[in-house]
Amino acid sequence: MANRILVVDDAAFMRMMIKDILSKNGFEVVGEAADGLQAVEKYKEVNPDLVTMDITMPEMDGITSLKEIKKIDPSAKIIMCSAMGQQAMVIDAIQAGAKDFIVKPFQADRVLEAIKKTLG
C-alpha cells in the first residue's frame, strides 16, 4: 500500500511541486492544506503516514501546527519545508518533534530521501 501524505503549504504551486514529486514516486497525496489550522483539521480527517509542512504560513505557522498535530498524535511524522535562511525556525521545529526538513526550492532527490528516511 502506498504511503499516504498530507501536503501543507500556503503557495499552491509549491504544493503542486511536492505532489508531483510524490505521485511520480509511488506516494499517495491524501490531502492538502494552505495554512496551519487547515493542516490540523486535515490531519484528523485523513490520518496520513507523513506530513510535509511549510514553516511560514498565515493563520497558524508550521511550528504551531506541528505542536498541535503532535498533541493529537504523538507519533506523527512531520517534515518541515523552509526557505533559505530559516535555520533558527528549523531548529525550533526539530525540537518540537519534526523528523527532518527540506529546503526550497525543492530538489526531488532530497525530498524523497527525507521522506524515505522518516518513514523508515
Protein backbone atom coordinates (compact mmCIF):
# COMPACT_ATOMS: atom_id res chain seq x y z
CA MET A 1 0.00 0.00 0.00
CA ALA A 2 1.29 3.46 -0.89
CA ASN A 3 2.31 5.76 1.94
CA ARG A 4 -0.32 8.46 2.48
CA ILE A 5 0.95 12.00 2.66
CA LEU A 6 -0.59 15.34 3.64
CA VAL A 7 0.98 18.34 1.88
CA VAL A 8 0.84 21.70 3.69
CA ASP A 9 1.96 24.97 2.08
CA ASP A 10 0.26 28.33 1.58
CA ALA A 11 1.57 28.50 -2.01
CA ALA A 12 -0.48 26.33 -4.37
CA PHE A 13 2.42 25.93 -6.82
CA MET A 14 4.67 24.62 -4.01
CA ARG A 15 2.01 22.04 -3.13
CA MET A 16 1.85 21.10 -6.80
CA MET A 17 5.62 20.66 -6.98
CA ILE A 18 5.68 18.36 -3.96
CA LYS A 19 2.61 16.43 -5.13
CA ASP A 20 4.26 15.92 -8.49
CA ILE A 21 7.46 14.55 -6.92
CA LEU A 22 5.48 12.30 -4.59
CA SER A 23 2.99 10.87 -7.06
CA LYS A 24 5.74 10.12 -9.60
CA ASN A 25 7.46 8.09 -6.91
CA GLY A 26 4.56 5.98 -5.75
CA PHE A 27 3.30 8.03 -2.81
CA GLU A 28 -0.34 8.93 -2.39
CA VAL A 29 -1.21 12.55 -1.54
CA VAL A 30 -4.35 12.19 0.60
CA GLY A 31 -4.84 15.84 1.46
CA GLU A 32 -3.62 19.39 1.13
CA ALA A 33 -3.79 22.39 3.42
CA ALA A 34 -2.94 26.04 2.84
CA ASP A 35 -2.33 27.02 6.47
CA GLY A 36 -1.61 25.52 9.86
CA LEU A 37 -5.22 25.48 11.05
CA GLN A 38 -6.32 23.57 7.96
CA ALA A 39 -3.37 21.23 8.45
CA VAL A 40 -4.55 20.23 11.94
CA GLU A 41 -8.11 19.66 10.71
CA LYS A 42 -6.97 17.67 7.68
CA TYR A 43 -4.64 15.58 9.82
CA LYS A 44 -7.56 14.50 12.00
CA GLU A 45 -9.63 13.79 8.90
CA VAL A 46 -7.18 11.79 6.74
CA ASN A 47 -4.73 10.43 9.34
CA PRO A 48 -1.73 10.45 6.96
CA ASP A 49 1.51 8.48 7.34
CA LEU A 50 3.52 11.66 6.89
CA VAL A 51 3.10 15.43 6.59
CA THR A 52 5.22 17.92 4.64
CA MET A 53 4.76 21.20 6.50
CA ASP A 54 5.70 24.69 5.37
CA ILE A 55 7.12 26.83 8.19
CA THR A 56 5.76 30.29 7.30
CA MET A 57 2.01 30.39 6.67
CA PRO A 58 -0.95 32.63 7.54
CA GLU A 59 -3.46 31.81 10.32
CA MET A 60 -1.14 29.37 12.10
CA ASP A 61 2.51 28.83 11.27
CA GLY A 62 4.04 25.44 10.65
CA ILE A 63 5.70 25.10 14.04
CA THR A 64 2.48 25.81 15.96
CA SER A 65 0.64 23.42 13.66
CA LEU A 66 3.33 20.77 14.22
CA LYS A 67 2.85 21.09 18.00
CA GLU A 68 -0.94 20.82 17.66
CA ILE A 69 -0.68 17.70 15.49
CA LYS A 70 1.79 16.18 17.95
CA LYS A 71 -0.80 16.69 20.72
CA ILE A 72 -3.36 14.73 18.67
CA ASP A 73 -0.87 12.07 17.57
CA PRO A 74 2.47 11.95 19.39
CA SER A 75 3.82 9.55 16.76
CA ALA A 76 3.03 11.90 13.83
CA LYS A 77 5.79 12.06 11.23
CA ILE A 78 6.29 15.61 10.01
CA ILE A 79 8.93 17.03 7.69
CA MET A 80 9.32 20.80 7.64
CA CYS A 81 9.76 22.80 4.44
CA SER A 82 11.70 26.03 4.81
CA ALA A 83 13.11 28.77 2.66
CA MET A 84 16.81 29.52 2.87
CA GLY A 85 17.84 31.39 5.99
CA GLN A 86 15.20 29.95 8.32
CA GLN A 87 17.70 27.83 10.27
CA ALA A 88 16.56 29.07 13.68
CA MET A 89 12.97 28.10 12.90
CA VAL A 90 14.08 24.72 11.61
CA ILE A 91 15.87 24.08 14.91
CA ASP A 92 12.68 25.05 16.81
CA ALA A 93 10.71 22.66 14.62
CA ILE A 94 13.10 19.76 15.18
CA GLN A 95 12.96 20.39 18.94
CA ALA A 96 9.16 20.41 18.71
CA GLY A 97 9.24 16.99 17.09
CA ALA A 98 9.76 17.43 13.34
CA LYS A 99 11.63 14.47 11.87
CA ASP A 100 13.54 16.28 9.14
CA PHE A 101 13.44 19.35 6.92
CA ILE A 102 13.71 20.14 3.24
CA VAL A 103 14.75 23.48 1.80
CA LYS A 104 13.00 25.33 -1.00
CA PRO A 105 13.33 25.30 -3.96
CA PHE A 106 12.63 21.58 -3.66
CA GLN A 107 15.02 19.07 -5.12
CA ALA A 108 13.24 15.82 -5.85
CA ASP A 109 16.03 13.57 -4.58
CA ARG A 110 16.31 15.45 -1.28
CA VAL A 111 12.52 15.37 -0.77
CA LEU A 112 12.43 11.62 -1.41
CA GLU A 113 15.45 10.95 0.78
CA ALA A 114 13.87 12.81 3.72
CA ILE A 115 10.54 11.03 3.26
CA LYS A 116 12.01 7.55 2.92
CA LYS A 117 14.25 8.12 5.94
CA THR A 118 11.34 9.40 8.03
CA LEU A 119 9.01 6.58 7.07
CA GLY A 120 11.81 4.12 7.75
